[in-house]
Every structure is written in structure tokens, then in C-alpha cells.
């Protein structure tokens, strides 16, 4: 009888060990977060595509104006050189006159326009 009781006790111990399960907290992701992110990304993509399509319409106009500005810069540079030489012959400095400042400011801006125009031509 003792042997039977020992086996029953042993079986109970094994059963008790089998039913002891660890508890783990599981945090489930909220599917609505994913849906919201996809919706926002789809809107951004639609806006991007809409703007990107406008490039083909605007590109020729931008390039034409950019090329005109660069051509003006070249012409102004030649004339400014001529004025510098003529002013110098008269003992004056062209850089003392407001026209020089205006041309200089335009030149720095037009260099940027030239760079931007070259970039847009590559698109």
C-alpha cells in the first residue's frame, strides 16, 4: 500500500509541476496605428505624385527664364568690365557708384539661378 501511495504522491508532484506555467505579459500592437500610418503615407505619396507631375509643365518655363538670367549676367559682366576700365581712365572707381552695387548683387543672385537651372535641366 505504501508503494501505491508513494506512486500517487509522485504522480501528484509531477502533475503539479506540469501545471505550473510562467506568466508573461504580452502587449499587442494596435492595428489602428498601422492603418493610420498607411493612410498618412498614402496621402503623402498622392501629394508627391501631384507635385512631381507639375515639374514637366514648369521645367521649360524655369529653364527658359534661367537661361535668360544667365545671358543677362554675361552681358552685364562685359559692360561692367567696360565701365570699370572707362571709370579708371577718368580716375574714378566704378565700385563707388550705386550701379556697381546693383550689378554686383544681381551677379551673386544670378550665379545661384545658373546653378539651379543646370540642375533642373538634368531632371
N, C-alpha and C. Protein backbone atom coordinates (compact mmCIF):
# COMPACT_ATOMS: atom_id res chain seq x y z
N UNK A 1 0.82 -1.17 0.00
CA UNK A 1 0.00 0.00 0.00
C UNK A 1 0.88 1.26 0.00
N UNK A 2 1.95 1.22 0.76
CA UNK A 2 2.87 2.34 0.82
C UNK A 2 3.44 2.62 -0.55
N UNK A 3 3.73 1.60 -1.31
CA UNK A 3 4.27 1.78 -2.66
C UNK A 3 3.24 2.47 -3.54
N UNK A 4 2.00 2.11 -3.40
CA UNK A 4 0.94 2.74 -4.20
C UNK A 4 0.79 4.19 -3.80
N UNK A 5 0.82 4.48 -2.49
CA UNK A 5 0.69 5.86 -2.03
C UNK A 5 1.89 6.70 -2.48
N UNK A 6 3.08 6.12 -2.47
CA UNK A 6 4.27 6.83 -2.96
C UNK A 6 4.14 7.18 -4.44
N UNK A 7 3.62 6.23 -5.21
CA UNK A 7 3.44 6.47 -6.65
C UNK A 7 2.38 7.55 -6.90
N UNK A 8 1.33 7.54 -6.10
CA UNK A 8 0.28 8.57 -6.24
C UNK A 8 0.85 9.94 -5.87
N UNK A 9 1.63 10.02 -4.80
CA UNK A 9 2.26 11.29 -4.39
C UNK A 9 3.22 11.80 -5.47
N UNK A 10 3.98 10.84 -6.01
CA UNK A 10 4.93 11.21 -7.06
C UNK A 10 4.18 11.72 -8.29
N UNK A 11 3.07 11.05 -8.65
CA UNK A 11 2.26 11.48 -9.78
C UNK A 11 1.67 12.86 -9.52
N UNK A 12 1.23 13.12 -8.31
CA UNK A 12 0.70 14.43 -7.96
C UNK A 12 1.77 15.52 -8.09
N UNK A 13 3.01 15.17 -7.65
CA UNK A 13 4.10 16.15 -7.77
C UNK A 13 4.38 16.47 -9.23
N UNK A 14 4.41 15.44 -10.05
CA UNK A 14 4.66 15.64 -11.49
C UNK A 14 3.55 16.48 -12.09
N UNK A 15 2.30 16.15 -11.72
CA UNK A 15 1.15 16.89 -12.24
C UNK A 15 1.23 18.36 -11.81
N UNK A 16 1.62 18.58 -10.57
CA UNK A 16 1.73 19.95 -10.06
C UNK A 16 2.80 20.72 -10.83
N UNK A 17 3.90 20.06 -11.14
CA UNK A 17 4.96 20.71 -11.90
C UNK A 17 4.50 21.02 -13.32
N UNK A 18 3.72 20.15 -13.90
CA UNK A 18 3.25 20.35 -15.25
C UNK A 18 2.29 21.54 -15.34
N UNK A 19 1.50 21.76 -14.32
CA UNK A 19 0.51 22.83 -14.38
C UNK A 19 1.07 24.18 -13.96
N UNK A 20 2.28 24.23 -13.45
CA UNK A 20 2.88 25.50 -13.08
C UNK A 20 3.43 26.16 -14.34
N UNK A 21 2.70 27.07 -14.86
CA UNK A 21 3.13 27.78 -16.06
C UNK A 21 3.53 29.19 -15.68
N UNK A 22 4.57 29.69 -16.32
CA UNK A 22 5.01 31.05 -16.05
C UNK A 22 4.03 32.04 -16.68
N UNK A 23 3.91 33.16 -16.07
CA UNK A 23 3.06 34.20 -16.62
C UNK A 23 3.94 35.20 -17.36
N UNK A 24 3.52 35.54 -18.56
CA UNK A 24 4.24 36.52 -19.38
C UNK A 24 3.24 37.54 -19.86
N UNK A 25 3.62 38.79 -19.69
CA UNK A 25 2.75 39.84 -20.20
C UNK A 25 3.03 40.02 -21.68
N UNK A 26 2.01 40.10 -22.46
CA UNK A 26 2.14 40.28 -23.89
C UNK A 26 1.39 41.56 -24.27
N UNK A 27 2.13 42.48 -24.89
CA UNK A 27 1.50 43.72 -25.32
C UNK A 27 1.26 43.61 -26.83
N UNK A 28 0.03 43.65 -27.22
CA UNK A 28 -0.32 43.52 -28.62
C UNK A 28 -0.29 44.89 -29.29
N UNK A 29 0.23 44.91 -30.51
CA UNK A 29 0.26 46.16 -31.27
C UNK A 29 -1.17 46.53 -31.67
N UNK A 30 -1.43 47.81 -31.71
CA UNK A 30 -2.75 48.28 -32.09
C UNK A 30 -2.79 48.40 -33.62
N UNK A 31 -3.65 47.64 -34.25
CA UNK A 31 -3.74 47.63 -35.71
C UNK A 31 -4.13 48.99 -36.26
N UNK A 32 -4.82 49.79 -35.46
CA UNK A 32 -5.22 51.13 -35.90
C UNK A 32 -4.02 52.04 -36.11
N UNK A 33 -2.95 51.81 -35.33
CA UNK A 33 -1.72 52.59 -35.52
C UNK A 33 -1.15 52.33 -36.92
N UNK A 34 -1.16 51.08 -37.32
CA UNK A 34 -0.66 50.72 -38.64
C UNK A 34 -1.55 51.30 -39.73
N UNK A 35 -2.86 51.21 -39.55
CA UNK A 35 -3.80 51.75 -40.53
C UNK A 35 -3.61 53.26 -40.66
N UNK A 36 -3.43 53.96 -39.55
CA UNK A 36 -3.21 55.41 -39.57
C UNK A 36 -1.92 55.75 -40.32
N UNK A 37 -0.85 55.02 -40.05
CA UNK A 37 0.43 55.28 -40.72
C UNK A 37 0.33 55.05 -42.22
N UNK A 38 -0.34 53.99 -42.62
CA UNK A 38 -0.50 53.71 -44.05
C UNK A 38 -1.33 54.81 -44.71
N UNK A 39 -2.40 55.24 -44.06
CA UNK A 39 -3.25 56.31 -44.62
C UNK A 39 -2.46 57.60 -44.79
N UNK A 40 -1.67 57.97 -43.79
CA UNK A 40 -0.86 59.19 -43.88
C UNK A 40 0.17 59.08 -45.00
N UNK A 41 0.79 57.91 -45.10
CA UNK A 41 1.81 57.70 -46.14
C UNK A 41 1.18 57.73 -47.52
N UNK A 42 -0.01 57.17 -47.68
CA UNK A 42 -0.69 57.20 -48.97
C UNK A 42 -1.05 58.63 -49.38
N UNK A 43 -1.48 59.45 -48.43
CA UNK A 43 -1.77 60.86 -48.72
C UNK A 43 -0.50 61.60 -49.16
N UNK A 44 0.59 61.35 -48.45
CA UNK A 44 1.87 61.98 -48.80
C UNK A 44 2.31 61.56 -50.20
N UNK A 45 2.14 60.30 -50.51
CA UNK A 45 2.52 59.81 -51.83
C UNK A 45 1.67 60.46 -52.93
N UNK A 46 0.38 60.60 -52.68
CA UNK A 46 -0.51 61.25 -53.66
C UNK A 46 -0.09 62.71 -53.87
N UNK A 47 0.24 63.42 -52.78
CA UNK A 47 0.70 64.82 -52.89
C UNK A 47 2.01 64.90 -53.66
N UNK A 48 2.93 63.98 -53.34
CA UNK A 48 4.23 63.94 -54.02
C UNK A 48 4.02 63.75 -55.52
N UNK A 49 3.21 62.77 -55.89
CA UNK A 49 2.96 62.50 -57.31
C UNK A 49 2.33 63.69 -58.01
N UNK A 50 1.41 64.36 -57.33
CA UNK A 50 0.75 65.53 -57.90
C UNK A 50 1.76 66.64 -58.17
N UNK A 51 2.64 66.90 -57.21
CA UNK A 51 3.67 67.94 -57.39
C UNK A 51 4.69 67.53 -58.45
N UNK A 52 5.06 66.27 -58.43
CA UNK A 52 6.07 65.79 -59.38
C UNK A 52 5.58 65.93 -60.82
N UNK A 53 4.29 65.71 -61.04
CA UNK A 53 3.73 65.85 -62.38
C UNK A 53 3.84 67.30 -62.86
N UNK A 54 3.80 68.25 -61.96
CA UNK A 54 3.89 69.67 -62.33
C UNK A 54 5.28 70.05 -62.83
N UNK A 55 6.28 69.26 -62.48
CA UNK A 55 7.65 69.55 -62.91
C UNK A 55 7.72 69.60 -64.43
N UNK A 56 7.08 68.65 -65.08
CA UNK A 56 7.13 68.60 -66.55
C UNK A 56 6.51 69.85 -67.17
N UNK A 57 5.51 70.41 -66.51
CA UNK A 57 4.88 71.62 -67.01
C UNK A 57 5.74 72.85 -66.74
N UNK A 58 6.33 72.91 -65.56
CA UNK A 58 7.10 74.09 -65.15
C UNK A 58 8.53 74.09 -65.68
N UNK A 59 9.10 72.94 -65.91
CA UNK A 59 10.51 72.85 -66.29
C UNK A 59 10.89 73.72 -67.49
N UNK A 60 10.16 73.67 -68.61
CA UNK A 60 10.56 74.51 -69.75
C UNK A 60 10.54 76.00 -69.42
N UNK A 61 9.56 76.44 -68.65
CA UNK A 61 9.47 77.85 -68.28
C UNK A 61 10.63 78.26 -67.39
N UNK A 62 10.94 77.41 -66.43
CA UNK A 62 12.04 77.70 -65.50
C UNK A 62 13.37 77.75 -66.23
N UNK A 63 13.59 76.78 -67.11
CA UNK A 63 14.85 76.73 -67.86
C UNK A 63 14.98 77.95 -68.76
N UNK A 64 13.90 78.33 -69.43
CA UNK A 64 13.94 79.50 -70.32
C UNK A 64 14.30 80.77 -69.55
N UNK A 65 13.62 81.00 -68.42
CA UNK A 65 13.92 82.18 -67.61
C UNK A 65 15.33 82.13 -67.03
N UNK A 66 15.73 80.94 -66.57
CA UNK A 66 17.08 80.79 -66.02
C UNK A 66 18.15 81.09 -67.05
N UNK A 67 17.94 80.60 -68.27
CA UNK A 67 18.90 80.87 -69.35
C UNK A 67 18.94 82.37 -69.69
N UNK A 68 17.78 83.03 -69.65
CA UNK A 68 17.73 84.48 -69.91
C UNK A 68 18.52 85.24 -68.84
N UNK A 69 18.35 84.81 -67.60
CA UNK A 69 19.05 85.49 -66.49
C UNK A 69 20.56 85.29 -66.62
N UNK A 70 20.98 84.08 -66.97
CA UNK A 70 22.42 83.82 -67.14
C UNK A 70 22.97 84.63 -68.31
N UNK A 71 22.20 84.74 -69.40
CA UNK A 71 22.63 85.55 -70.55
C UNK A 71 22.77 87.03 -70.13
N UNK A 72 21.82 87.50 -69.33
CA UNK A 72 21.91 88.89 -68.83
C UNK A 72 23.14 89.07 -67.98
N UNK A 73 23.45 88.08 -67.18
CA UNK A 73 24.63 88.14 -66.32
C UNK A 73 25.89 88.28 -67.17
N UNK A 74 25.97 87.52 -68.23
CA UNK A 74 27.15 87.58 -69.11
C UNK A 74 27.27 88.98 -69.74
N UNK A 75 26.15 89.51 -70.23
CA UNK A 75 26.16 90.85 -70.84
C UNK A 75 26.54 91.92 -69.81
N UNK A 76 25.96 91.82 -68.61
CA UNK A 76 26.27 92.79 -67.55
C UNK A 76 27.74 92.73 -67.16
N UNK A 77 28.27 91.55 -67.11
CA UNK A 77 29.67 91.37 -66.73
C UNK A 77 30.58 92.06 -67.74
N UNK A 78 30.25 91.92 -69.02
CA UNK A 78 31.05 92.59 -70.06
C UNK A 78 30.96 94.11 -69.92
N UNK A 79 29.72 94.62 -69.76
CA UNK A 79 29.53 96.08 -69.63
C UNK A 79 30.19 96.62 -68.36
N UNK A 80 30.08 95.87 -67.27
CA UNK A 80 30.70 96.31 -66.02
C UNK A 80 32.21 96.39 -66.19
N UNK A 81 32.78 95.45 -66.92
CA UNK A 81 34.22 95.49 -67.20
C UNK A 81 34.60 96.71 -68.01
N UNK A 82 33.76 97.03 -68.98
CA UNK A 82 33.99 98.22 -69.81
C UNK A 82 33.91 99.49 -68.96
N UNK A 83 32.87 99.56 -68.10
CA UNK A 83 32.73 100.75 -67.24
C UNK A 83 33.91 100.86 -66.27
N UNK A 84 34.34 99.75 -65.74
CA UNK A 84 35.49 99.80 -64.81
C UNK A 84 36.70 100.41 -65.50
N UNK A 85 36.93 99.97 -66.71
CA UNK A 85 38.09 100.47 -67.47
C UNK A 85 37.92 101.96 -67.77
N UNK A 86 36.74 102.36 -68.23
CA UNK A 86 36.50 103.77 -68.57
C UNK A 86 36.56 104.67 -67.33
N UNK A 87 35.95 104.20 -66.23
CA UNK A 87 36.00 104.99 -64.98
C UNK A 87 37.44 105.15 -64.52
N UNK A 88 38.19 104.06 -64.64
CA UNK A 88 39.59 104.09 -64.21
C UNK A 88 40.39 105.10 -65.03
N UNK A 89 40.12 105.16 -66.34
CA UNK A 89 40.82 106.13 -67.21
C UNK A 89 40.52 107.57 -66.80
N UNK A 90 39.33 107.75 -66.18
CA UNK A 90 38.95 109.09 -65.73
C UNK A 90 39.38 109.34 -64.28
N UNK A 91 40.04 108.35 -63.68
CA UNK A 91 40.49 108.50 -62.30
C UNK A 91 39.38 108.22 -61.29
N UNK A 92 38.35 107.54 -61.70
CA UNK A 92 37.21 107.23 -60.82
C UNK A 92 37.15 105.72 -60.57
N UNK A 93 36.38 105.38 -59.56
CA UNK A 93 36.17 103.95 -59.27
C UNK A 93 34.70 103.62 -59.52
N UNK A 94 34.49 102.68 -60.43
CA UNK A 94 33.12 102.26 -60.73
C UNK A 94 32.45 101.68 -59.48
N UNK A 95 33.23 101.07 -58.61
CA UNK A 95 32.68 100.45 -57.39
C UNK A 95 32.12 101.48 -56.41
N UNK A 96 32.39 102.78 -56.62
CA UNK A 96 31.85 103.83 -55.76
C UNK A 96 30.41 104.20 -56.14
N UNK A 97 29.92 103.70 -57.24
CA UNK A 97 28.61 104.11 -57.75
C UNK A 97 27.54 103.05 -57.43
N UNK A 98 26.30 103.50 -57.21
CA UNK A 98 25.21 102.57 -56.85
C UNK A 98 24.93 101.53 -57.93
N UNK A 99 25.22 101.88 -59.19
CA UNK A 99 25.00 100.93 -60.27
C UNK A 99 25.90 99.69 -60.11
N UNK A 100 27.11 99.93 -59.62
CA UNK A 100 28.04 98.83 -59.40
C UNK A 100 27.47 97.87 -58.34
N UNK A 101 26.97 98.47 -57.25
CA UNK A 101 26.41 97.65 -56.18
C UNK A 101 25.22 96.84 -56.70
N UNK A 102 24.37 97.48 -57.47
CA UNK A 102 23.19 96.79 -58.00
C UNK A 102 23.59 95.63 -58.92
N UNK A 103 24.56 95.88 -59.78
CA UNK A 103 25.05 94.83 -60.68
C UNK A 103 25.69 93.70 -59.88
N UNK A 104 26.46 94.03 -58.87
CA UNK A 104 27.12 93.01 -58.05
C UNK A 104 26.11 92.11 -57.35
N UNK A 105 25.08 92.73 -56.80
CA UNK A 105 24.04 91.95 -56.12
C UNK A 105 23.32 91.03 -57.11
N UNK A 106 23.04 91.56 -58.29
CA UNK A 106 22.39 90.73 -59.30
C UNK A 106 23.29 89.57 -59.71
N UNK A 107 24.56 89.83 -59.85
CA UNK A 107 25.51 88.79 -60.25
C UNK A 107 25.54 87.63 -59.25
N UNK A 108 25.54 87.94 -57.97
CA UNK A 108 25.58 86.86 -56.98
C UNK A 108 24.28 86.04 -57.02
N UNK A 109 23.16 86.72 -57.21
CA UNK A 109 21.88 86.01 -57.31
C UNK A 109 21.80 85.19 -58.59
N UNK A 110 22.29 85.76 -59.67
CA UNK A 110 22.17 85.07 -60.95
C UNK A 110 23.09 83.84 -61.02
N UNK A 111 24.17 83.84 -60.28
CA UNK A 111 25.03 82.64 -60.22
C UNK A 111 24.24 81.47 -59.63
N UNK A 112 23.48 81.78 -58.58
CA UNK A 112 22.63 80.76 -57.97
C UNK A 112 21.58 80.27 -58.96
N UNK A 113 20.98 81.20 -59.68
CA UNK A 113 19.97 80.83 -60.68
C UNK A 113 20.59 79.94 -61.75
N UNK A 114 21.80 80.27 -62.16
CA UNK A 114 22.50 79.44 -63.15
C UNK A 114 22.70 78.02 -62.66
N UNK A 115 23.13 77.90 -61.41
CA UNK A 115 23.32 76.55 -60.82
C UNK A 115 22.00 75.80 -60.76
N UNK A 116 20.96 76.50 -60.33
CA UNK A 116 19.65 75.85 -60.22
C UNK A 116 19.11 75.45 -61.59
N UNK A 117 19.32 76.29 -62.59
CA UNK A 117 18.85 75.99 -63.95
C UNK A 117 19.56 74.75 -64.49
N UNK A 118 20.87 74.66 -64.28
CA UNK A 118 21.62 73.48 -64.73
C UNK A 118 21.08 72.22 -64.05
N UNK A 119 20.77 72.34 -62.78
CA UNK A 119 20.24 71.19 -62.03
C UNK A 119 18.86 70.78 -62.59
N UNK A 120 18.02 71.75 -62.83
CA UNK A 120 16.66 71.45 -63.33
C UNK A 120 16.72 70.84 -64.72
N UNK A 121 17.68 71.25 -65.53
CA UNK A 121 17.84 70.65 -66.86
C UNK A 121 18.13 69.16 -66.77
N UNK A 122 18.76 68.74 -65.70
CA UNK A 122 19.11 67.32 -65.53
C UNK A 122 17.92 66.47 -65.09
N UNK A 123 16.90 67.10 -64.58
CA UNK A 123 15.73 66.34 -64.08
C UNK A 123 14.94 65.80 -65.25
